[in-house]
Structure formats: C-alpha cells, structure tokens
Amino acid sequence: MRSDPITNRPEGIGAAYLVVTLGYWAFMLTDGALRMLVLLHFHELGFHPIQLAYLFLGYELMGVLTNLGAGWLAARFGLTRTLYAGLALQIGALLALSMLDETWSVAASVAFVMVVQGLSGIAKDLTKMSAKSSVKLLVPKDQSGALFRWVAVLTGSKNAVKGLGFLLGAGLLAWFGFEVSVLAMAAVLSAVLLLSAASMPQGLPGGRAGVPFRDVFSKDPAINWLSAARVFLFGARDVWFVVGIPIYFHSVFSDGSPEQSRIAFFLVGGFMALWIIGYGAVQALAPQVLKAKGKPVAEIVRLAVLWVALLASIPAVLAIAAALSDGPSDTLTAILIAGLLLFGVVFAVNSSAHSYLILAFAKGERVSMDVGFYYMSNAVGRLLGTLLSGVSYQIGGLPLCLGTAAAMAGLSWIMARRLTALEHPEG
C-alpha cells in the first residue's frame, strides 16, 4: 500500500473514511429507530419495566463480547470487512424482527427479541469500531488537536443521527406499525450496504495474519483505568435512559387511550431525540468547551475528572426532587426535562474527552484492539445500566433510578482520578 509522504497516511484513506462514516450514520439512524420501536411497541403490549429491560440485554451483552473480539477481527481481516459485516447483520436482525408474532407468549417474545437484538448489538459494534479506528489512521501522529476535533465531529454527528432515529422510530410505529417499519429500514440499509461496497476506495489497511487473540487485552494501565471509568460513565446514563425515563414520561403524557398513546409516542420519542441530538452537538463542540487546542494529554485527563464530578451531582439532585414529590406533576416533569438536558451537556463533554483519550493512549500498531477493548468497557456499562434501569425503576421508581445513576457517575469519577497519577504522552 502506497503512502502520502507529506502526511504519512495511506493514499486514499480520506475517501475511505468518508464512505465508512456515511455507512456508520446510516446504521445509527436505524439503530436509534429500532430501539424506540422495540421499547414503545412492547410497552404498549403491557410489558413490565424489567421485561422491557430484558429485551435489550441481548443487545448489550453481545456488544460486550463483540468489542472484545472486534479489534482482533479488524486487525486480522481488515476494517472494510468488519464494516460490511456490521451492516449485513443489522439487515438480518431487522428482517427477523418482522417475523415477530404478537400471539406468542411473553416468555417466547422476550427470548426471540433478546436473540435478535443480540445480532443488532454485534452489528453496531463492528460498525462503530470500524469508523472510530479509522480516525486514528487518518490524522497525522503529531496533530493531537486535529485528532480531538475529528473524534468529536464523528462522535457528535453519529449521536445526532441516532437522535433522529429515535424520532423516526416513534413516528414509524405511530403511523405504519411495527412490521412495516422494520422491513422499510431493512430495505434502506441494504441499499446503503450495496452503495458502500461499490464506492469504497482503497486505503483502509487490510488484515494481518498471525495476530494472536490474547492481544485484545490491554496491558497499558492508562487504557485500563480509562476503560473502567467508561463502564460507570455509560452505566450512569443508561440506568435512566433505557427504561426509567421513557416509561415515566409515557405514563405522564398518556391517559391510556389509543389516540393519546400515539401522541405520547411522539412526545417521548421527541424528547429522546432532542436529548441525543443535543448530546451529539455538544460532543462536536467539546474541544472548544474544554479549550483543548494546545493542551497536553495530562490536562485533558484533569478536565475529564472535573467534569465527571459535576455529572454525578445532577442525577443526585433530580433523585431528591423526585423523592420529595407527591407523584407525577407538571413541576416535576419540567425539573426532570431541564435536569436531564443539563446532564446531557455534561455527559457529552465527558464522553468526547474519553473518546479522544483512548485514541491518544492507543498504540498505532494495535489501535483497533485498544479501541475494541475500550468499547467493550463501554458495552459493559450499557449492559449494567440497562439491567439496573428496569430493576431500579420497578423496585423504587424514579428516585431509585436516578439515585443509581448518581452512584455510578461517582464510581466513574473514582476510576478517572487514577489516570491523574500516570504519565501520559504529550499528544
């Protein structure tokens, strides 16, 4: 493979990165839509919070396992093949969900959706790892500021697209129903896969034979502590995001009638979409928020620690407000919306800083494996948060759900502080 002597990058990788990113956006649009479709459809069928959480456990569990092996697969077979595999698996998952029969028992429905969502979880993390690893290869080694900007733009735009997917999913369910919606998304994603395969230029590195699987485990303490902080950072979000808040808002906005339930779908989907889109916009602006240009890696570490401390305080305050409330009310709903939007701003800055730090810490020759290991931790946090979301909401309602989020953010702060004692590259 030839290289550009000025940038020391493989020739054609810019165009390859663009195709990967467009495929990633298309995938995340369907990913967000599918999550909202499944959650609201089965809530309408009468599933309890813990049963709703179970529907997503397969997705998150397979995300853990996939990220553990995705970096090795990319190193062994190449980033292009992992992208295509991710898109193809998502198409298969959507087609499988179209066969769901509402006459099945609750146990059969939960088991079927868990398995199919597991395929979707594998698909998401293969696709995500392909896109994120490409950034490290695109940016010259001596331009850490540019690396932070590229990571922030990719991650922020991805989440904005996923947010649109939440709104799309709620709208599709309200107007076309579950089966037609998933079939339509499968058709669109099939077209994206064919276009990606037809237009992908040369540039992304191919696989390397003889890469041992044991290399997926990082021996770098900075990567390990950052990954541990990531577990609890994403657990702190998903513990309220997956089940608790959507179900609470649906109960507030709907009186149980079919017409009001349809309106509630749009309101819940609209809030979740607004949250994700705003989160993505702030992620893209994180380098400016942190004034990261010219700052050494150690300073970004220090800022990440400060911002996660702030993050922990927000759900703690909201948990107290919910506990002191006599029940659902307009005042409590307004406080929750404002507080969770603020949580999204602070969380986005934290997440973007983490995404930069993993690429700053990752070694060039094993970037896909370091990134895969880190996103395995991300998936562990989502799995833990998903399970606790249903359990905490069913046991203790909104106060326990938000209190658990505060505790998990506090644990992320403890893990992130360990990074401050380590030596870091200058960038």
Protein backbone atom coordinates (compact mmCIF):
# COMPACT_ATOMS: atom_id res chain seq x y z
CA MET A 1 0.00 0.00 0.00
CA ARG A 2 1.44 3.40 -1.01
CA SER A 3 1.63 6.35 1.39
CA ASP A 4 1.42 10.11 1.09
CA PRO A 5 4.96 11.27 2.04
CA ILE A 6 3.69 14.58 3.46
CA THR A 7 1.05 13.28 5.85
CA ASN A 8 2.44 9.76 6.24
CA ARG A 9 -1.06 8.40 5.67
CA PRO A 10 -2.05 5.59 3.32
CA GLU A 11 -3.14 7.01 -0.04
CA GLY A 12 -6.91 7.19 -0.46
CA ILE A 13 -7.74 6.84 3.21
CA GLY A 14 -9.62 10.16 3.32
CA ALA A 15 -12.17 8.93 0.77
CA ALA A 16 -12.33 5.54 2.51
CA TYR A 17 -13.01 7.26 5.83
CA LEU A 18 -15.85 9.25 4.26
CA VAL A 19 -17.55 6.10 2.96
CA VAL A 20 -17.13 4.40 6.35
CA THR A 21 -18.63 7.41 8.11
CA LEU A 22 -21.64 7.60 5.80
CA GLY A 23 -22.28 3.89 6.36
CA TYR A 24 -21.95 4.46 10.10
CA TRP A 25 -24.50 7.29 10.01
CA ALA A 26 -26.99 5.14 8.09
CA PHE A 27 -26.53 2.33 10.58
CA MET A 28 -27.01 4.60 13.60
CA LEU A 29 -30.23 6.03 12.13
CA THR A 30 -31.71 2.52 12.06
CA ASP A 31 -30.19 1.69 15.45
CA GLY A 32 -31.92 4.61 17.15
CA ALA A 33 -35.21 3.94 15.37
CA LEU A 34 -35.14 0.25 16.27
CA ARG A 35 -34.54 0.95 19.97
CA MET A 36 -37.57 3.25 20.14
CA LEU A 37 -39.72 0.87 18.08
CA VAL A 38 -38.98 -2.07 20.38
CA LEU A 39 -39.36 -0.11 23.64
CA LEU A 40 -42.65 1.59 22.79
CA HIS A 41 -44.19 -1.36 20.94
CA PHE A 42 -43.69 -3.77 23.84
CA HIS A 43 -44.64 -1.18 26.44
CA GLU A 44 -47.92 -0.77 24.57
CA LEU A 45 -48.36 -4.56 24.69
CA GLY A 46 -48.20 -4.37 28.50
CA PHE A 47 -44.63 -5.48 29.26
CA HIS A 48 -43.31 -4.52 32.74
CA PRO A 49 -40.12 -2.42 33.19
CA ILE A 50 -37.91 -5.44 33.98
CA GLN A 51 -39.30 -7.31 30.95
CA LEU A 52 -38.56 -4.27 28.79
CA ALA A 53 -35.00 -4.18 30.13
CA TYR A 54 -34.60 -7.87 29.23
CA LEU A 55 -35.40 -7.04 25.60
CA PHE A 56 -32.18 -5.02 25.37
CA LEU A 57 -29.90 -7.29 27.42
CA GLY A 58 -29.01 -9.42 24.39
CA TYR A 59 -28.04 -6.26 22.51
CA GLU A 60 -25.77 -5.05 25.30
CA LEU A 61 -24.32 -8.47 26.17
CA MET A 62 -23.33 -9.13 22.58
CA GLY A 63 -21.84 -5.64 22.48
CA VAL A 64 -19.51 -6.68 25.29
CA LEU A 65 -18.45 -9.87 23.52
CA THR A 66 -18.21 -8.22 20.11
CA ASN A 67 -15.99 -5.40 21.28
CA LEU A 68 -13.71 -7.90 22.94
CA GLY A 69 -13.15 -9.60 19.60
CA ALA A 70 -13.90 -6.81 17.09
CA GLY A 71 -10.48 -5.22 17.35
CA TRP A 72 -8.83 -8.58 16.73
CA LEU A 73 -11.17 -9.26 13.78
CA ALA A 74 -10.29 -5.88 12.25
CA ALA A 75 -6.58 -6.49 12.76
CA ARG A 76 -6.91 -9.96 11.25
CA PHE A 77 -9.36 -9.32 8.38
CA GLY A 78 -9.36 -5.54 7.83
CA LEU A 79 -11.65 -2.62 8.75
CA THR A 80 -13.62 -2.73 5.49
CA ARG A 81 -14.81 -6.28 6.08
CA THR A 82 -15.90 -5.52 9.65
CA LEU A 83 -17.96 -2.59 8.34
CA TYR A 84 -19.71 -4.74 5.74
CA ALA A 85 -20.34 -7.48 8.30
CA GLY A 86 -21.94 -4.99 10.69
CA LEU A 87 -24.32 -3.61 8.06
CA ALA A 88 -25.29 -7.10 6.87
CA LEU A 89 -26.04 -8.34 10.39
CA GLN A 90 -28.27 -5.34 11.09
CA ILE A 91 -30.25 -6.08 7.92
CA GLY A 92 -30.68 -9.67 9.09
CA ALA A 93 -31.85 -8.53 12.53
CA LEU A 94 -34.46 -6.19 11.04
CA LEU A 95 -35.80 -8.92 8.75
CA ALA A 96 -36.00 -11.35 11.68
CA LEU A 97 -37.99 -8.87 13.80
CA SER A 98 -40.56 -8.57 11.01
CA MET A 99 -41.50 -12.20 11.76
CA LEU A 100 -42.45 -11.46 15.38
CA ASP A 101 -45.93 -12.78 16.20
CA GLU A 102 -47.97 -10.93 18.84
CA THR A 103 -49.80 -14.17 19.71
CA TRP A 104 -46.60 -15.61 21.19
CA SER A 105 -46.29 -15.81 24.96
CA VAL A 106 -44.39 -13.12 26.85
CA ALA A 107 -41.52 -15.53 27.53
CA ALA A 108 -41.25 -16.52 23.86
CA SER A 109 -41.40 -12.91 22.69
CA VAL A 110 -38.72 -11.81 25.17
CA ALA A 111 -36.42 -14.70 24.22
CA PHE A 112 -36.85 -14.06 20.48
CA VAL A 113 -36.25 -10.31 20.74
CA MET A 114 -33.24 -10.81 23.02
CA VAL A 115 -31.60 -13.08 20.42
CA VAL A 116 -32.39 -10.77 17.51
CA GLN A 117 -31.28 -7.70 19.45
CA GLY A 118 -28.07 -9.62 20.16
CA LEU A 119 -27.42 -9.73 16.41
CA SER A 120 -28.07 -5.99 16.27
CA GLY A 121 -25.60 -5.46 19.13
CA ILE A 122 -22.90 -7.35 17.22
CA ALA A 123 -23.68 -5.30 14.12
CA LYS A 124 -23.47 -1.95 15.92
CA ASP A 125 -20.10 -2.57 17.50
CA LEU A 126 -18.49 -3.97 14.37
CA THR A 127 -19.61 -0.85 12.51
CA LYS A 128 -18.63 1.56 15.29
CA MET A 129 -15.18 0.07 15.76
CA SER A 130 -14.52 0.34 12.00
CA ALA A 131 -15.38 4.05 11.96
CA LYS A 132 -13.63 5.01 15.21
CA SER A 133 -10.41 3.15 14.37
CA SER A 134 -10.26 4.91 11.01
CA VAL A 135 -9.86 8.28 12.75
CA LYS A 136 -6.55 7.28 14.32
CA LEU A 137 -5.26 6.25 10.90
CA LEU A 138 -6.47 9.43 9.20
CA VAL A 139 -4.91 12.06 11.49
CA PRO A 140 -1.12 12.59 11.45
CA LYS A 141 0.56 11.48 14.66
CA ASP A 142 1.82 14.95 15.60
CA GLN A 143 -1.58 16.68 15.44
CA SER A 144 -3.39 15.85 18.71
CA GLY A 145 -5.65 18.91 18.38
CA ALA A 146 -6.83 17.70 14.99
CA LEU A 147 -7.38 14.21 16.43
CA PHE A 148 -9.68 15.60 19.15
CA ARG A 149 -11.64 17.61 16.55
CA TRP A 150 -12.08 14.65 14.19
CA VAL A 151 -13.16 12.36 17.04
CA ALA A 152 -15.59 14.99 18.34
CA VAL A 153 -17.14 15.56 14.91
CA LEU A 154 -17.54 11.85 14.18
CA THR A 155 -18.98 11.01 17.60
CA GLY A 156 -21.18 14.09 17.76
CA SER A 157 -22.63 13.64 14.28
CA LYS A 158 -23.26 9.96 14.97
CA ASN A 159 -25.30 10.76 18.05
CA ALA A 160 -27.24 13.50 16.24
CA VAL A 161 -28.17 10.93 13.57
CA LYS A 162 -29.11 8.39 16.24
CA GLY A 163 -31.31 11.02 17.88
CA LEU A 164 -33.16 11.50 14.61
CA GLY A 165 -33.55 7.73 14.62
CA PHE A 166 -35.39 7.88 17.96
CA LEU A 167 -37.88 10.33 16.49
CA LEU A 168 -38.10 8.30 13.28
CA GLY A 169 -38.82 5.11 15.22
CA ALA A 170 -41.61 6.70 17.25
CA GLY A 171 -43.15 8.16 14.09
CA LEU A 172 -42.92 4.92 12.12
CA LEU A 173 -44.57 2.99 14.94
CA ALA A 174 -47.39 5.51 15.30
CA TRP A 175 -48.21 5.66 11.58
CA PHE A 176 -47.15 2.37 10.00
CA GLY A 177 -46.88 -0.18 12.78
CA PHE A 178 -44.02 -2.42 13.81
CA GLU A 179 -43.68 -4.90 10.92
CA VAL A 180 -43.79 -2.40 8.04
CA SER A 181 -41.31 -0.16 9.87
CA VAL A 182 -38.61 -2.78 10.32
CA LEU A 183 -38.98 -4.02 6.73
CA ALA A 184 -38.62 -0.48 5.39
CA MET A 185 -35.44 0.06 7.43
CA ALA A 186 -34.00 -3.25 6.20
CA ALA A 187 -34.57 -2.16 2.59
CA VAL A 188 -32.87 1.21 3.10
CA LEU A 189 -29.88 -0.31 4.89
CA SER A 190 -29.50 -2.91 2.11
CA ALA A 191 -29.16 -0.07 -0.39
CA VAL A 192 -26.54 1.59 1.83
CA LEU A 193 -24.53 -1.63 2.04
CA LEU A 194 -24.53 -2.05 -1.74
CA LEU A 195 -23.51 1.58 -2.28
CA SER A 196 -20.73 1.32 0.31
CA ALA A 197 -19.32 -1.82 -1.30
CA ALA A 198 -19.48 -0.22 -4.76
CA SER A 199 -17.83 3.08 -3.76
CA MET A 200 -15.28 2.04 -1.14
CA PRO A 201 -11.83 3.15 -2.39
CA GLN A 202 -8.55 1.57 -1.47
CA GLY A 203 -6.92 3.00 1.61
CA LEU A 204 -8.02 1.26 4.78
CA PRO A 205 -5.49 -1.32 5.92
CA GLY A 206 -6.19 -4.98 5.27
CA GLY A 207 -5.79 -7.78 7.79
CA ARG A 208 -2.58 -9.20 9.17
CA ALA A 209 -2.13 -12.93 9.56
CA GLY A 210 -0.78 -14.25 12.82
CA VAL A 211 -2.38 -11.69 15.20
CA PRO A 212 -2.94 -13.63 18.49
CA PHE A 213 -6.33 -13.19 20.19
CA ARG A 214 -4.69 -12.59 23.58
CA ASP A 215 -3.50 -9.23 22.25
CA VAL A 216 -7.03 -7.82 22.63
CA PHE A 217 -6.39 -7.35 26.36
CA SER A 218 -4.57 -4.12 27.08
CA LYS A 219 -1.53 -4.06 29.34
CA ASP A 220 -1.48 -0.27 29.45
CA PRO A 221 -2.75 1.00 32.86
CA ALA A 222 -3.97 4.26 31.31
CA ILE A 223 -6.22 2.36 28.87
CA ASN A 224 -7.43 0.05 31.64
CA TRP A 225 -8.37 2.85 34.07
CA LEU A 226 -9.98 4.88 31.30
CA SER A 227 -11.99 1.81 30.29
CA ALA A 228 -13.09 1.31 33.90
CA ALA A 229 -14.23 4.94 34.08
CA ARG A 230 -16.13 4.40 30.83
CA VAL A 231 -18.05 1.46 32.31
CA PHE A 232 -19.62 3.60 35.02
CA LEU A 233 -19.97 6.72 32.85
CA PHE A 234 -22.28 4.93 30.42
CA GLY A 235 -23.95 2.98 33.21
CA ALA A 236 -24.88 6.33 34.76
CA ARG A 237 -26.65 7.34 31.56
CA ASP A 238 -28.39 4.11 30.60
CA VAL A 239 -29.73 3.42 34.08
CA TRP A 240 -32.32 6.15 33.50
CA PHE A 241 -32.24 6.42 29.69
CA VAL A 242 -33.21 2.90 28.60
CA VAL A 243 -36.38 2.17 30.58
CA GLY A 244 -36.99 4.51 33.51
CA ILE A 245 -37.46 7.95 31.97
CA PRO A 246 -39.21 6.83 28.73
CA ILE A 247 -41.77 4.82 30.69
CA TYR A 248 -42.25 7.59 33.25
CA PHE A 249 -42.83 10.19 30.53
CA HIS A 250 -45.21 7.89 28.65
CA SER A 251 -47.27 7.48 31.83
CA VAL A 252 -47.36 11.26 32.25
CA PHE A 253 -48.29 12.08 28.65
CA SER A 254 -50.82 9.26 28.01
CA ASP A 255 -54.22 8.58 29.60
CA GLY A 256 -54.28 5.07 28.13
CA SER A 257 -56.49 5.80 25.10
CA PRO A 258 -55.15 4.80 21.66
CA GLU A 259 -55.14 8.39 20.38
CA GLN A 260 -53.40 9.79 23.45
CA SER A 261 -50.94 6.89 23.40
CA ARG A 262 -49.99 7.81 19.83
CA ILE A 263 -49.37 11.40 20.91
CA ALA A 264 -47.33 10.14 23.85
CA PHE A 265 -45.17 8.10 21.45
CA PHE A 266 -44.27 11.30 19.62
CA LEU A 267 -43.62 13.23 22.83
CA VAL A 268 -41.41 10.52 24.33
CA GLY A 269 -39.61 9.93 21.03
CA GLY A 270 -39.24 13.69 20.59
CA PHE A 271 -37.63 14.14 24.00
CA MET A 272 -35.26 11.20 23.49
CA ALA A 273 -34.38 12.51 20.03
CA LEU A 274 -33.79 16.03 21.36
CA TRP A 275 -31.57 14.65 24.11
CA ILE A 276 -29.45 12.57 21.74
CA ILE A 277 -29.20 15.30 19.09
CA GLY A 278 -28.21 17.88 21.71
CA TYR A 279 -25.75 15.41 23.18
CA GLY A 280 -24.21 14.91 19.74
CA ALA A 281 -23.99 18.67 19.09
CA VAL A 282 -22.19 19.26 22.40
CA GLN A 283 -19.83 16.35 21.70
CA ALA A 284 -18.83 18.01 18.43
CA LEU A 285 -18.14 21.26 20.33
CA ALA A 286 -16.29 19.59 23.23
CA PRO A 287 -12.80 20.67 22.07
CA GLN A 288 -13.97 24.31 22.18
CA VAL A 289 -15.78 23.83 25.51
CA LEU A 290 -12.62 22.38 27.07
CA LYS A 291 -10.37 24.82 25.17
CA ALA A 292 -8.37 21.73 24.27
CA LYS A 293 -6.23 23.21 21.48
CA GLY A 294 -2.58 23.04 22.53
CA LYS A 295 -3.33 21.35 25.85
CA PRO A 296 -1.25 18.27 26.73
CA VAL A 297 -2.98 14.94 27.26
CA ALA A 298 -2.49 15.19 31.04
CA GLU A 299 -4.55 18.41 31.10
CA ILE A 300 -7.41 16.76 29.21
CA VAL A 301 -7.30 13.96 31.80
CA ARG A 302 -7.63 16.52 34.61
CA LEU A 303 -10.57 18.20 32.90
CA ALA A 304 -12.31 14.85 32.36
CA VAL A 305 -12.07 14.18 36.11
CA LEU A 306 -13.60 17.57 36.96
CA TRP A 307 -16.48 17.17 34.52
CA VAL A 308 -17.48 13.71 35.74
CA ALA A 309 -17.63 15.06 39.31
CA LEU A 310 -20.10 17.67 38.06
CA LEU A 311 -22.03 14.96 36.23
CA ALA A 312 -22.59 12.93 39.42
CA SER A 313 -24.29 15.88 41.15
CA ILE A 314 -27.07 16.25 38.56
CA PRO A 315 -28.95 12.92 38.96
CA ALA A 316 -28.41 13.19 42.73
CA VAL A 317 -30.37 16.47 42.77
CA LEU A 318 -33.03 15.04 40.44
CA ALA A 319 -33.40 11.94 42.65
CA ILE A 320 -34.04 14.17 45.67
CA ALA A 321 -36.61 16.21 43.72
CA ALA A 322 -38.42 13.02 42.64
CA ALA A 323 -38.37 11.61 46.18
CA LEU A 324 -39.84 14.81 47.64
CA SER A 325 -42.59 14.95 45.01
CA ASP A 326 -46.03 13.51 45.76
CA GLY A 327 -46.06 11.86 42.34
CA PRO A 328 -46.04 12.83 38.68
CA SER A 329 -46.72 16.54 38.20
CA ASP A 330 -46.07 19.28 35.68
CA THR A 331 -43.48 20.82 38.02
CA LEU A 332 -41.56 17.56 38.46
CA THR A 333 -41.72 16.86 34.71
CA ALA A 334 -40.29 20.31 33.95
CA ILE A 335 -37.50 19.82 36.52
CA LEU A 336 -36.67 16.41 35.03
CA ILE A 337 -36.55 17.70 31.47
CA ALA A 338 -34.29 20.62 32.40
CA GLY A 339 -32.06 18.47 34.61
CA LEU A 340 -31.69 15.67 32.09
CA LEU A 341 -30.85 18.12 29.31
CA LEU A 342 -28.13 19.57 31.57
CA PHE A 343 -26.97 16.01 32.28
CA GLY A 344 -26.72 15.52 28.51
CA VAL A 345 -24.45 18.57 28.11
CA VAL A 346 -22.05 17.48 30.86
CA PHE A 347 -22.18 13.84 29.81
CA ALA A 348 -21.36 14.78 26.21
CA VAL A 349 -18.23 16.68 27.23
CA ASN A 350 -17.13 13.70 29.36
CA SER A 351 -17.81 11.20 26.59
CA SER A 352 -15.98 13.24 23.96
CA ALA A 353 -12.94 13.67 26.21
CA HIS A 354 -12.87 9.90 26.79
CA SER A 355 -13.12 9.22 23.04
CA TYR A 356 -10.12 11.47 22.45
CA LEU A 357 -8.11 9.97 25.31
CA ILE A 358 -8.48 6.38 24.11
CA LEU A 359 -7.04 7.32 20.71
CA ALA A 360 -4.30 9.39 22.38
CA PHE A 361 -3.38 6.39 24.55
CA ALA A 362 -3.77 3.74 21.80
CA LYS A 363 -0.67 2.42 20.07
CA GLY A 364 -0.68 2.79 16.28
CA GLU A 365 0.09 -0.85 15.56
CA ARG A 366 -2.74 -2.10 17.77
CA VAL A 367 -5.23 0.78 17.55
CA SER A 368 -8.21 -1.39 16.56
CA MET A 369 -7.58 -3.74 19.51
CA ASP A 370 -7.14 -0.90 22.03
CA VAL A 371 -10.28 0.81 20.71
CA GLY A 372 -12.17 -2.51 20.74
CA PHE A 373 -11.15 -3.19 24.36
CA TYR A 374 -12.24 0.31 25.38
CA TYR A 375 -15.62 -0.01 23.68
CA MET A 376 -16.06 -3.41 25.28
CA SER A 377 -16.00 -1.47 28.58
CA ASN A 378 -18.49 0.95 27.10
CA ALA A 379 -20.78 -2.01 26.34
CA VAL A 380 -20.33 -3.42 29.86
CA GLY A 381 -21.54 -0.09 31.22
CA ARG A 382 -24.55 -0.09 28.91
CA LEU A 383 -25.37 -3.69 29.88
CA LEU A 384 -25.16 -2.85 33.58
CA GLY A 385 -27.16 0.34 33.13
CA THR A 386 -29.84 -1.41 31.05
CA LEU A 387 -30.39 -4.11 33.66
CA LEU A 388 -30.41 -1.65 36.56
CA SER A 389 -32.76 0.67 34.66
CA GLY A 390 -35.60 -1.84 34.71
CA VAL A 391 -34.80 -3.22 38.16
CA SER A 392 -34.36 0.13 39.92
CA TYR A 393 -37.46 1.66 38.32
CA GLN A 394 -39.66 -1.31 39.21
CA ILE A 395 -38.36 -1.52 42.79
CA GLY A 396 -38.00 2.12 43.76
CA GLY A 397 -39.47 4.17 40.92
CA LEU A 398 -37.84 7.31 39.61
CA PRO A 399 -35.96 8.28 42.83
CA LEU A 400 -34.04 4.98 42.97
CA CYS A 401 -33.45 5.03 39.21
CA LEU A 402 -31.85 8.49 39.35
CA GLY A 403 -30.03 7.77 42.62
CA THR A 404 -28.41 4.74 41.00
CA ALA A 405 -27.28 6.97 38.12
CA ALA A 406 -25.64 9.35 40.60
CA ALA A 407 -23.82 6.47 42.31
CA MET A 408 -22.49 5.14 39.00
CA ALA A 409 -21.24 8.57 37.93
CA GLY A 410 -19.46 8.79 41.29
CA LEU A 411 -17.71 5.48 40.60
CA SER A 412 -16.64 6.81 37.19
CA TRP A 413 -15.04 9.77 38.96
CA ILE A 414 -13.11 7.43 41.27
CA MET A 415 -11.76 5.45 38.30
CA ALA A 416 -10.90 8.57 36.28
CA ARG A 417 -8.90 10.02 39.16
CA ARG A 418 -6.48 7.08 38.90
CA LEU A 419 -5.41 8.44 35.49
CA THR A 420 -4.02 11.62 37.06
CA ALA A 421 -1.24 9.63 38.77
CA LEU A 422 0.06 8.21 35.46
CA GLU A 423 2.44 9.66 32.91
CA HIS A 424 0.85 10.50 29.58
CA PRO A 425 2.12 11.30 26.07
CA GLU A 426 2.36 14.97 25.21
CA GLY A 427 -0.13 14.41 22.39
